[in-house]
């Protein structure tokens, strides 16, 4: 991972169905779809820090909020079970 220097190489394989025009159309459409989806991955990789930091995009905010909320509850449970209980 490097700051803005990531490159994705793709190899597309499509099952031969129909004639040459159909295969060419499938190849172009599938290639464009794959390229678009891979573009999101490259943006995430470009946002990663080489020192092990996180990769965050604007779409990650809700997931990160949920992760923090979940972590707070896990920490509370861990604290409660770590404390010795008083017997009465």
PDB file of N, CA and C in Angstrom:
ATOM      1  N   UNK A   1       0.843  -1.164   0.000  1.00  0.00           N
ATOM      2  CA  UNK A   1       0.000   0.000   0.000  1.00  0.00           C
ATOM      3  C   UNK A   1       0.892   1.232   0.000  1.00  0.00           C
ATOM      4  N   UNK A   2       0.524   2.174  -0.803  1.00  0.00           N
ATOM      5  CA  UNK A   2       1.321   3.377  -0.915  1.00  0.00           C
ATOM      6  C   UNK A   2       0.400   4.565  -1.134  1.00  0.00           C
ATOM      7  N   UNK A   3       0.852   5.726  -0.736  1.00  0.00           N
ATOM      8  CA  UNK A   3       0.028   6.927  -0.851  1.00  0.00           C
ATOM      9  C   UNK A   3      -0.246   7.285  -2.304  1.00  0.00           C
ATOM     10  N   UNK A   4      -1.414   6.920  -2.796  1.00  0.00           N
ATOM     11  CA  UNK A   4      -1.846   7.306  -4.127  1.00  0.00           C
ATOM     12  C   UNK A   4      -1.099   6.663  -5.274  1.00  0.00           C
ATOM     13  N   UNK A   5      -0.352   5.601  -5.008  1.00  0.00           N
ATOM     14  CA  UNK A   5       0.455   4.991  -6.063  1.00  0.00           C
ATOM     15  C   UNK A   5       0.039   3.561  -6.370  1.00  0.00           C
ATOM     16  N   UNK A   6      -1.139   3.167  -5.945  1.00  0.00           N
ATOM     17  CA  UNK A   6      -1.596   1.796  -6.176  1.00  0.00           C
ATOM     18  C   UNK A   6      -2.187   1.656  -7.569  1.00  0.00           C
ATOM     19  N   UNK A   7      -1.887   0.538  -8.199  1.00  0.00           N
ATOM     20  CA  UNK A   7      -2.392   0.237  -9.534  1.00  0.00           C
ATOM     21  C   UNK A   7      -3.014  -1.149  -9.488  1.00  0.00           C
ATOM     22  N   UNK A   8      -4.181  -1.299 -10.099  1.00  0.00           N
ATOM     23  CA  UNK A   8      -4.820  -2.607 -10.147  1.00  0.00           C
ATOM     24  C   UNK A   8      -4.727  -3.142 -11.566  1.00  0.00           C
ATOM     25  N   UNK A   9      -4.270  -4.378 -11.694  1.00  0.00           N
ATOM     26  CA  UNK A   9      -4.228  -5.058 -12.977  1.00  0.00           C
ATOM     27  C   UNK A   9      -5.326  -6.108 -12.974  1.00  0.00           C
ATOM     28  N   UNK A  10      -6.047  -6.217 -14.085  1.00  0.00           N
ATOM     29  CA  UNK A  10      -7.161  -7.156 -14.158  1.00  0.00           C
ATOM     30  C   UNK A  10      -7.010  -8.072 -15.361  1.00  0.00           C
ATOM     31  N   UNK A  11      -7.485  -9.274 -15.194  1.00  0.00           N
ATOM     32  CA  UNK A  11      -7.596 -10.229 -16.285  1.00  0.00           C
ATOM     33  C   UNK A  11      -9.044 -10.679 -16.299  1.00  0.00           C
ATOM     34  N   UNK A  12      -9.728 -10.456 -17.399  1.00  0.00           N
ATOM     35  CA  UNK A  12     -11.151 -10.776 -17.493  1.00  0.00           C
ATOM     36  C   UNK A  12     -11.328 -12.009 -18.360  1.00  0.00           C
ATOM     37  N   UNK A  13     -12.082 -12.950 -17.844  1.00  0.00           N
ATOM     38  CA  UNK A  13     -12.393 -14.176 -18.575  1.00  0.00           C
ATOM     39  C   UNK A  13     -13.904 -14.313 -18.638  1.00  0.00           C
ATOM     40  N   UNK A  14     -14.429 -14.469 -19.842  1.00  0.00           N
ATOM     41  CA  UNK A  14     -15.873 -14.559 -20.032  1.00  0.00           C
ATOM     42  C   UNK A  14     -16.183 -15.817 -20.832  1.00  0.00           C
ATOM     43  N   UNK A  15     -17.190 -16.547 -20.367  1.00  0.00           N
ATOM     44  CA  UNK A  15     -17.615 -17.762 -21.063  1.00  0.00           C
ATOM     45  C   UNK A  15     -18.177 -17.385 -22.435  1.00  0.00           C
ATOM     46  N   UNK A  16     -17.793 -18.144 -23.449  1.00  0.00           N
ATOM     47  CA  UNK A  16     -18.264 -17.869 -24.806  1.00  0.00           C
ATOM     48  C   UNK A  16     -19.715 -18.295 -24.950  1.00  0.00           C
ATOM     49  N   UNK A  17     -20.576 -17.321 -25.141  1.00  0.00           N
ATOM     50  CA  UNK A  17     -22.006 -17.577 -25.343  1.00  0.00           C
ATOM     51  C   UNK A  17     -22.444 -16.734 -26.533  1.00  0.00           C
ATOM     52  N   UNK A  18     -23.097 -17.340 -27.490  1.00  0.00           N
ATOM     53  CA  UNK A  18     -23.592 -16.589 -28.639  1.00  0.00           C
ATOM     54  C   UNK A  18     -22.502 -16.289 -29.650  1.00  0.00           C
ATOM     55  N   UNK A  19     -22.794 -15.330 -30.500  1.00  0.00           N
ATOM     56  CA  UNK A  19     -21.879 -14.969 -31.576  1.00  0.00           C
ATOM     57  C   UNK A  19     -20.807 -13.988 -31.132  1.00  0.00           C
ATOM     58  N   UNK A  20     -20.011 -13.553 -32.107  1.00  0.00           N
ATOM     59  CA  UNK A  20     -18.894 -12.650 -31.828  1.00  0.00           C
ATOM     60  C   UNK A  20     -19.380 -11.307 -31.291  1.00  0.00           C
ATOM     61  N   UNK A  21     -20.478 -10.793 -31.837  1.00  0.00           N
ATOM     62  CA  UNK A  21     -21.008  -9.510 -31.365  1.00  0.00           C
ATOM     63  C   UNK A  21     -21.466  -9.615 -29.914  1.00  0.00           C
ATOM     64  N   UNK A  22     -22.120 -10.705 -29.571  1.00  0.00           N
ATOM     65  CA  UNK A  22     -22.579 -10.915 -28.187  1.00  0.00           C
ATOM     66  C   UNK A  22     -21.394 -11.013 -27.233  1.00  0.00           C
ATOM     67  N   UNK A  23     -20.354 -11.747 -27.631  1.00  0.00           N
ATOM     68  CA  UNK A  23     -19.175 -11.890 -26.778  1.00  0.00           C
ATOM     69  C   UNK A  23     -18.472 -10.553 -26.597  1.00  0.00           C
ATOM     70  N   UNK A  24     -18.377  -9.778 -27.674  1.00  0.00           N
ATOM     71  CA  UNK A  24     -17.733  -8.467 -27.582  1.00  0.00           C
ATOM     72  C   UNK A  24     -18.522  -7.542 -26.660  1.00  0.00           C
ATOM     73  N   UNK A  25     -19.842  -7.574 -26.789  1.00  0.00           N
ATOM     74  CA  UNK A  25     -20.692  -6.744 -25.926  1.00  0.00           C
ATOM     75  C   UNK A  25     -20.539  -7.163 -24.469  1.00  0.00           C
ATOM     76  N   UNK A  26     -20.577  -8.468 -24.211  1.00  0.00           N
ATOM     77  CA  UNK A  26     -20.403  -8.972 -22.845  1.00  0.00           C
ATOM     78  C   UNK A  26     -19.050  -8.552 -22.277  1.00  0.00           C
ATOM     79  N   UNK A  27     -18.009  -8.671 -23.097  1.00  0.00           N
ATOM     80  CA  UNK A  27     -16.663  -8.318 -22.654  1.00  0.00           C
ATOM     81  C   UNK A  27     -16.592  -6.845 -22.267  1.00  0.00           C
ATOM     82  N   UNK A  28     -17.142  -5.974 -23.108  1.00  0.00           N
ATOM     83  CA  UNK A  28     -17.097  -4.533 -22.840  1.00  0.00           C
ATOM     84  C   UNK A  28     -17.900  -4.194 -21.589  1.00  0.00           C
ATOM     85  N   UNK A  29     -19.130  -4.697 -21.499  1.00  0.00           N
ATOM     86  CA  UNK A  29     -19.976  -4.366 -20.351  1.00  0.00           C
ATOM     87  C   UNK A  29     -19.411  -4.928 -19.049  1.00  0.00           C
ATOM     88  N   UNK A  30     -18.966  -6.172 -19.074  1.00  0.00           N
ATOM     89  CA  UNK A  30     -18.393  -6.771 -17.876  1.00  0.00           C
ATOM     90  C   UNK A  30     -17.100  -6.063 -17.487  1.00  0.00           C
ATOM     91  N   UNK A  31     -16.301  -5.704 -18.479  1.00  0.00           N
ATOM     92  CA  UNK A  31     -15.059  -4.984 -18.209  1.00  0.00           C
ATOM     93  C   UNK A  31     -15.302  -3.631 -17.578  1.00  0.00           C
ATOM     94  N   UNK A  32     -16.294  -2.895 -18.085  1.00  0.00           N
ATOM     95  CA  UNK A  32     -16.616  -1.590 -17.505  1.00  0.00           C
ATOM     96  C   UNK A  32     -17.137  -1.731 -16.078  1.00  0.00           C
ATOM     97  N   UNK A  33     -17.982  -2.722 -15.858  1.00  0.00           N
ATOM     98  CA  UNK A  33     -18.520  -2.952 -14.516  1.00  0.00           C
ATOM     99  C   UNK A  33     -17.388  -3.293 -13.534  1.00  0.00           C
ATOM    100  N   UNK A  34     -16.490  -4.165 -13.959  1.00  0.00           N
ATOM    101  CA  UNK A  34     -15.378  -4.571 -13.105  1.00  0.00           C
ATOM    102  C   UNK A  34     -14.446  -3.399 -12.837  1.00  0.00           C
ATOM    103  N   UNK A  35     -14.196  -2.613 -13.859  1.00  0.00           N
ATOM    104  CA  UNK A  35     -13.316  -1.449 -13.696  1.00  0.00           C
ATOM    105  C   UNK A  35     -13.915  -0.445 -12.720  1.00  0.00           C
ATOM    106  N   UNK A  36     -15.222  -0.219 -12.813  1.00  0.00           N
ATOM    107  CA  UNK A  36     -15.897   0.707 -11.908  1.00  0.00           C
ATOM    108  C   UNK A  36     -15.804   0.207 -10.468  1.00  0.00           C
ATOM    109  N   UNK A  37     -16.093  -1.066 -10.260  1.00  0.00           N
ATOM    110  CA  UNK A  37     -16.039  -1.635  -8.908  1.00  0.00           C
ATOM    111  C   UNK A  37     -14.615  -1.611  -8.360  1.00  0.00           C
ATOM    112  N   UNK A  38     -13.646  -1.914  -9.197  1.00  0.00           N
ATOM    113  CA  UNK A  38     -12.253  -1.913  -8.758  1.00  0.00           C
ATOM    114  C   UNK A  38     -11.782  -0.505  -8.434  1.00  0.00           C
ATOM    115  N   UNK A  39     -12.370   0.491  -9.077  1.00  0.00           N
ATOM    116  CA  UNK A  39     -12.008   1.877  -8.789  1.00  0.00           C
ATOM    117  C   UNK A  39     -12.245   2.236  -7.335  1.00  0.00           C
ATOM    118  N   UNK A  40     -13.321   1.703  -6.755  1.00  0.00           N
ATOM    119  CA  UNK A  40     -13.592   1.948  -5.341  1.00  0.00           C
ATOM    120  C   UNK A  40     -12.512   1.318  -4.469  1.00  0.00           C
ATOM    121  N   UNK A  41     -12.069   0.118  -4.828  1.00  0.00           N
ATOM    122  CA  UNK A  41     -11.020  -0.551  -4.058  1.00  0.00           C
ATOM    123  C   UNK A  41      -9.716   0.233  -4.115  1.00  0.00           C
ATOM    124  N   UNK A  42      -9.362   0.720  -5.286  1.00  0.00           N
ATOM    125  CA  UNK A  42      -8.116   1.476  -5.427  1.00  0.00           C
ATOM    126  C   UNK A  42      -8.181   2.752  -4.599  1.00  0.00           C
ATOM    127  N   UNK A  43      -9.349   3.413  -4.556  1.00  0.00           N
ATOM    128  CA  UNK A  43      -9.490   4.609  -3.714  1.00  0.00           C
ATOM    129  C   UNK A  43      -9.252   4.267  -2.251  1.00  0.00           C
ATOM    130  N   UNK A  44      -9.762   3.123  -1.814  1.00  0.00           N
ATOM    131  CA  UNK A  44      -9.546   2.701  -0.427  1.00  0.00           C
ATOM    132  C   UNK A  44      -8.069   2.407  -0.197  1.00  0.00           C
ATOM    133  N   UNK A  45      -7.444   1.688  -1.121  1.00  0.00           N
ATOM    134  CA  UNK A  45      -6.023   1.371  -0.966  1.00  0.00           C
ATOM    135  C   UNK A  45      -5.178   2.641  -0.945  1.00  0.00           C
ATOM    136  N   UNK A  46      -5.529   3.611  -1.777  1.00  0.00           N
ATOM    137  CA  UNK A  46      -4.775   4.856  -1.807  1.00  0.00           C
ATOM    138  C   UNK A  46      -4.936   5.638  -0.513  1.00  0.00           C
ATOM    139  N   UNK A  47      -6.040   5.410   0.201  1.00  0.00           N
ATOM    140  CA  UNK A  47      -6.264   6.107   1.463  1.00  0.00           C
ATOM    141  C   UNK A  47      -5.625   5.430   2.660  1.00  0.00           C
ATOM    142  N   UNK A  48      -5.093   4.235   2.462  1.00  0.00           N
ATOM    143  CA  UNK A  48      -4.474   3.517   3.578  1.00  0.00           C
ATOM    144  C   UNK A  48      -3.109   4.099   3.892  1.00  0.00           C
ATOM    145  N   UNK A  49      -2.775   4.029   5.158  1.00  0.00           N
ATOM    146  CA  UNK A  49      -1.468   4.509   5.592  1.00  0.00           C
ATOM    147  C   UNK A  49      -0.503   3.325   5.629  1.00  0.00           C
ATOM    148  N   UNK A  50       0.718   3.501   5.136  1.00  0.00           N
ATOM    149  CA  UNK A  50       1.665   2.393   5.135  1.00  0.00           C
ATOM    150  C   UNK A  50       2.054   1.931   6.539  1.00  0.00           C
ATOM    151  N   UNK A  51       1.842   2.779   7.557  1.00  0.00           N
ATOM    152  CA  UNK A  51       2.228   2.417   8.922  1.00  0.00           C
ATOM    153  C   UNK A  51       1.167   1.581   9.637  1.00  0.00           C
ATOM    154  N   UNK A  52       0.162   1.109   8.910  1.00  0.00           N
ATOM    155  CA  UNK A  52      -0.847   0.256   9.527  1.00  0.00           C
ATOM    156  C   UNK A  52      -2.079   1.003   9.983  1.00  0.00           C
ATOM    157  N   UNK A  53      -2.210   2.248   9.603  1.00  0.00           N
ATOM    158  CA  UNK A  53      -3.399   3.013   9.952  1.00  0.00           C
ATOM    159  C   UNK A  53      -4.607   2.484   9.213  1.00  0.00           C
ATOM    160  N   UNK A  54      -5.700   3.182   9.293  1.00  0.00           N
ATOM    161  CA  UNK A  54      -6.928   2.704   8.670  1.00  0.00           C
ATOM    162  C   UNK A  54      -7.141   3.269   7.287  1.00  0.00           C
ATOM    163  N   UNK A  55      -8.043   2.659   6.598  1.00  0.00           N
ATOM    164  CA  UNK A  55      -8.463   3.143   5.285  1.00  0.00           C
ATOM    165  C   UNK A  55      -9.905   3.580   5.419  1.00  0.00           C
ATOM    166  N   UNK A  56     -10.152   4.841   5.293  1.00  0.00           N
ATOM    167  CA  UNK A  56     -11.495   5.341   5.513  1.00  0.00           C
ATOM    168  C   UNK A  56     -11.965   6.153   4.319  1.00  0.00           C
ATOM    169  N   UNK A  57     -13.187   5.912   3.918  1.00  0.00           N
ATOM    170  CA  UNK A  57     -13.824   6.723   2.895  1.00  0.00           C
ATOM    171  C   UNK A  57     -15.109   7.254   3.503  1.00  0.00           C
ATOM    172  N   UNK A  58     -15.795   8.114   2.786  1.00  0.00           N
ATOM    173  CA  UNK A  58     -17.011   8.697   3.349  1.00  0.00           C
ATOM    174  C   UNK A  58     -18.085   7.641   3.591  1.00  0.00           C
ATOM    175  N   UNK A  59     -18.002   6.518   2.912  1.00  0.00           N
ATOM    176  CA  UNK A  59     -18.992   5.458   3.085  1.00  0.00           C
ATOM    177  C   UNK A  59     -18.715   4.608   4.326  1.00  0.00           C
ATOM    178  N   UNK A  60     -17.549   4.764   4.933  1.00  0.00           N
ATOM    179  CA  UNK A  60     -17.182   3.963   6.094  1.00  0.00           C
ATOM    180  C   UNK A  60     -17.659   4.554   7.413  1.00  0.00           C
ATOM    181  N   UNK A  61     -18.158   5.772   7.419  1.00  0.00           N
ATOM    182  CA  UNK A  61     -18.468   6.449   8.679  1.00  0.00           C
ATOM    183  C   UNK A  61     -19.490   5.693   9.515  1.00  0.00           C
ATOM    184  N   UNK A  62     -20.545   5.193   8.909  1.00  0.00           N
ATOM    185  CA  UNK A  62     -21.564   4.471   9.663  1.00  0.00           C
ATOM    186  C   UNK A  62     -20.999   3.175  10.240  1.00  0.00           C
ATOM    187  N   UNK A  63     -20.200   2.481   9.466  1.00  0.00           N
ATOM    188  CA  UNK A  63     -19.585   1.242   9.952  1.00  0.00           C
ATOM    189  C   UNK A  63     -18.644   1.539  11.108  1.00  0.00           C
ATOM    190  N   UNK A  64     -17.871   2.609  11.011  1.00  0.00           N
ATOM    191  CA  UNK A  64     -16.943   2.962  12.083  1.00  0.00           C
ATOM    192  C   UNK A  64     -17.689   3.367  13.349  1.00  0.00           C
ATOM    193  N   UNK A  65     -18.825   4.066  13.204  1.00  0.00           N
ATOM    194  CA  UNK A  65     -19.636   4.424  14.375  1.00  0.00           C
ATOM    195  C   UNK A  65     -20.172   3.172  15.049  1.00  0.00           C
ATOM    196  N   UNK A  66     -20.675   2.240  14.255  1.00  0.00           N
ATOM    197  CA  UNK A  66     -21.192   0.992  14.817  1.00  0.00           C
ATOM    198  C   UNK A  66     -20.073   0.218  15.504  1.00  0.00           C
ATOM    199  N   UNK A  67     -18.906   0.184  14.898  1.00  0.00           N
ATOM    200  CA  UNK A  67     -17.780  -0.537  15.488  1.00  0.00           C
ATOM    201  C   UNK A  67     -17.405   0.063  16.846  1.00  0.00           C
ATOM    202  N   UNK A  68     -17.398   1.399  16.946  1.00  0.00           N
ATOM    203  CA  UNK A  68     -17.093   2.055  18.219  1.00  0.00           C
ATOM    204  C   UNK A  68     -18.169   1.743  19.261  1.00  0.00           C
ATOM    205  N   UNK A  69     -19.432   1.779  18.854  1.00  0.00           N
ATOM    206  CA  UNK A  69     -20.540   1.454  19.757  1.00  0.00           C
ATOM    207  C   UNK A  69     -20.413   0.013  20.255  1.00  0.00           C
ATOM    208  N   UNK A  70     -20.175  -0.905  19.339  1.00  0.00           N
ATOM    209  CA  UNK A  70     -20.039  -2.317  19.700  1.00  0.00           C
ATOM    210  C   UNK A  70     -18.855  -2.515  20.637  1.00  0.00           C
ATOM    211  N   UNK A  71     -17.733  -1.877  20.336  1.00  0.00           N
ATOM    212  CA  UNK A  71     -16.533  -2.001  21.160  1.00  0.00           C
ATOM    213  C   UNK A  71     -16.797  -1.484  22.572  1.00  0.00           C
ATOM    214  N   UNK A  72     -17.584  -0.403  22.708  1.00  0.00           N
ATOM    215  CA  UNK A  72     -17.875   0.130  24.044  1.00  0.00           C
ATOM    216  C   UNK A  72     -18.654  -0.890  24.874  1.00  0.00           C
ATOM    217  N   UNK A  73     -19.587  -1.599  24.261  1.00  0.00           N
ATOM    218  CA  UNK A  73     -20.346  -2.616  24.991  1.00  0.00           C
ATOM    219  C   UNK A  73     -19.477  -3.819  25.325  1.00  0.00           C
ATOM    220  N   UNK A  74     -18.619  -4.218  24.435  1.00  0.00           N
ATOM    221  CA  UNK A  74     -17.709  -5.332  24.720  1.00  0.00           C
ATOM    222  C   UNK A  74     -16.794  -4.971  25.881  1.00  0.00           C
ATOM    223  N   UNK A  75     -16.299  -3.738  25.901  1.00  0.00           N
ATOM    224  CA  UNK A  75     -15.432  -3.297  26.996  1.00  0.00           C
ATOM    225  C   UNK A  75     -16.185  -3.278  28.323  1.00  0.00           C
ATOM    226  N   UNK A  76     -17.441  -2.841  28.305  1.00  0.00           N
ATOM    227  CA  UNK A  76     -18.244  -2.827  29.541  1.00  0.00           C
ATOM    228  C   UNK A  76     -18.440  -4.235  30.085  1.00  0.00           C
ATOM    229  N   UNK A  77     -18.741  -5.159  29.223  1.00  0.00           N
ATOM    230  CA  UNK A  77     -18.935  -6.545  29.663  1.00  0.00           C
ATOM    231  C   UNK A  77     -17.631  -7.115  30.200  1.00  0.00           C
ATOM    232  N   UNK A  78     -16.531  -6.816  29.547  1.00  0.00           N
ATOM    233  CA  UNK A  78     -15.233  -7.312  30.004  1.00  0.00           C
ATOM    234  C   UNK A  78     -14.890  -6.746  31.377  1.00  0.00           C
ATOM    235  N   UNK A  79     -15.189  -5.473  31.604  1.00  0.00           N
ATOM    236  CA  UNK A  79     -14.937  -4.862  32.911  1.00  0.00           C
ATOM    237  C   UNK A  79     -15.812  -5.497  33.982  1.00  0.00           C
ATOM    238  N   UNK A  80     -17.074  -5.730  33.661  1.00  0.00           N
ATOM    239  CA  UNK A  80     -18.006  -6.300  34.638  1.00  0.00           C
ATOM    240  C   UNK A  80     -17.603  -7.720  35.026  1.00  0.00           C
ATOM    241  N   UNK A  81     -17.130  -8.491  34.093  1.00  0.00           N
ATOM    242  CA  UNK A  81     -16.739  -9.869  34.412  1.00  0.00           C
ATOM    243  C   UNK A  81     -15.372  -9.927  35.076  1.00  0.00           C
ATOM    244  N   UNK A  82     -14.556  -8.910  34.914  1.00  0.00           N
ATOM    245  CA  UNK A  82     -13.226  -8.893  35.520  1.00  0.00           C
ATOM    246  C   UNK A  82     -13.289  -8.507  36.995  1.00  0.00           C
ATOM    247  N   UNK A  83     -14.292  -7.736  37.392  1.00  0.00           N
ATOM    248  CA  UNK A  83     -14.427  -7.323  38.786  1.00  0.00           C
ATOM    249  C   UNK A  83     -14.864  -8.502  39.649  1.00  0.00           C
ATOM    250  N   UNK A  84     -14.241  -8.656  40.811  1.00  0.00           N
ATOM    251  CA  UNK A  84     -14.708  -9.718  41.712  1.00  0.00           C
ATOM    252  C   UNK A  84     -16.074  -9.360  42.297  1.00  0.00           C
ATOM    253  N   UNK A  85     -16.929 -10.333  42.396  1.00  0.00           N
ATOM    254  CA  UNK A  85     -18.276 -10.094  42.926  1.00  0.00           C
ATOM    255  C   UNK A  85     -18.278 -10.308  44.435  1.00  0.00           C
ATOM    256  N   UNK A  86     -19.042  -9.472  45.097  1.00  0.00           N
ATOM    257  CA  UNK A  86     -19.183  -9.617  46.548  1.00  0.00           C
ATOM    258  C   UNK A  86     -20.263 -10.634  46.847  1.00  0.00           C
ATOM    259  N   UNK A  87     -19.993 -11.475  47.791  1.00  0.00           N
ATOM    260  CA  UNK A  87     -21.006 -12.447  48.213  1.00  0.00           C
ATOM    261  C   UNK A  87     -21.688 -11.930  49.461  1.00  0.00           C
ATOM    262  N   UNK A  88     -22.971 -12.059  49.479  1.00  0.00           N
ATOM    263  CA  UNK A  88     -23.718 -11.562  50.635  1.00  0.00           C
ATOM    264  C   UNK A  88     -24.339 -12.670  51.404  1.00  0.00           C
TER     265      UNK A  88
END
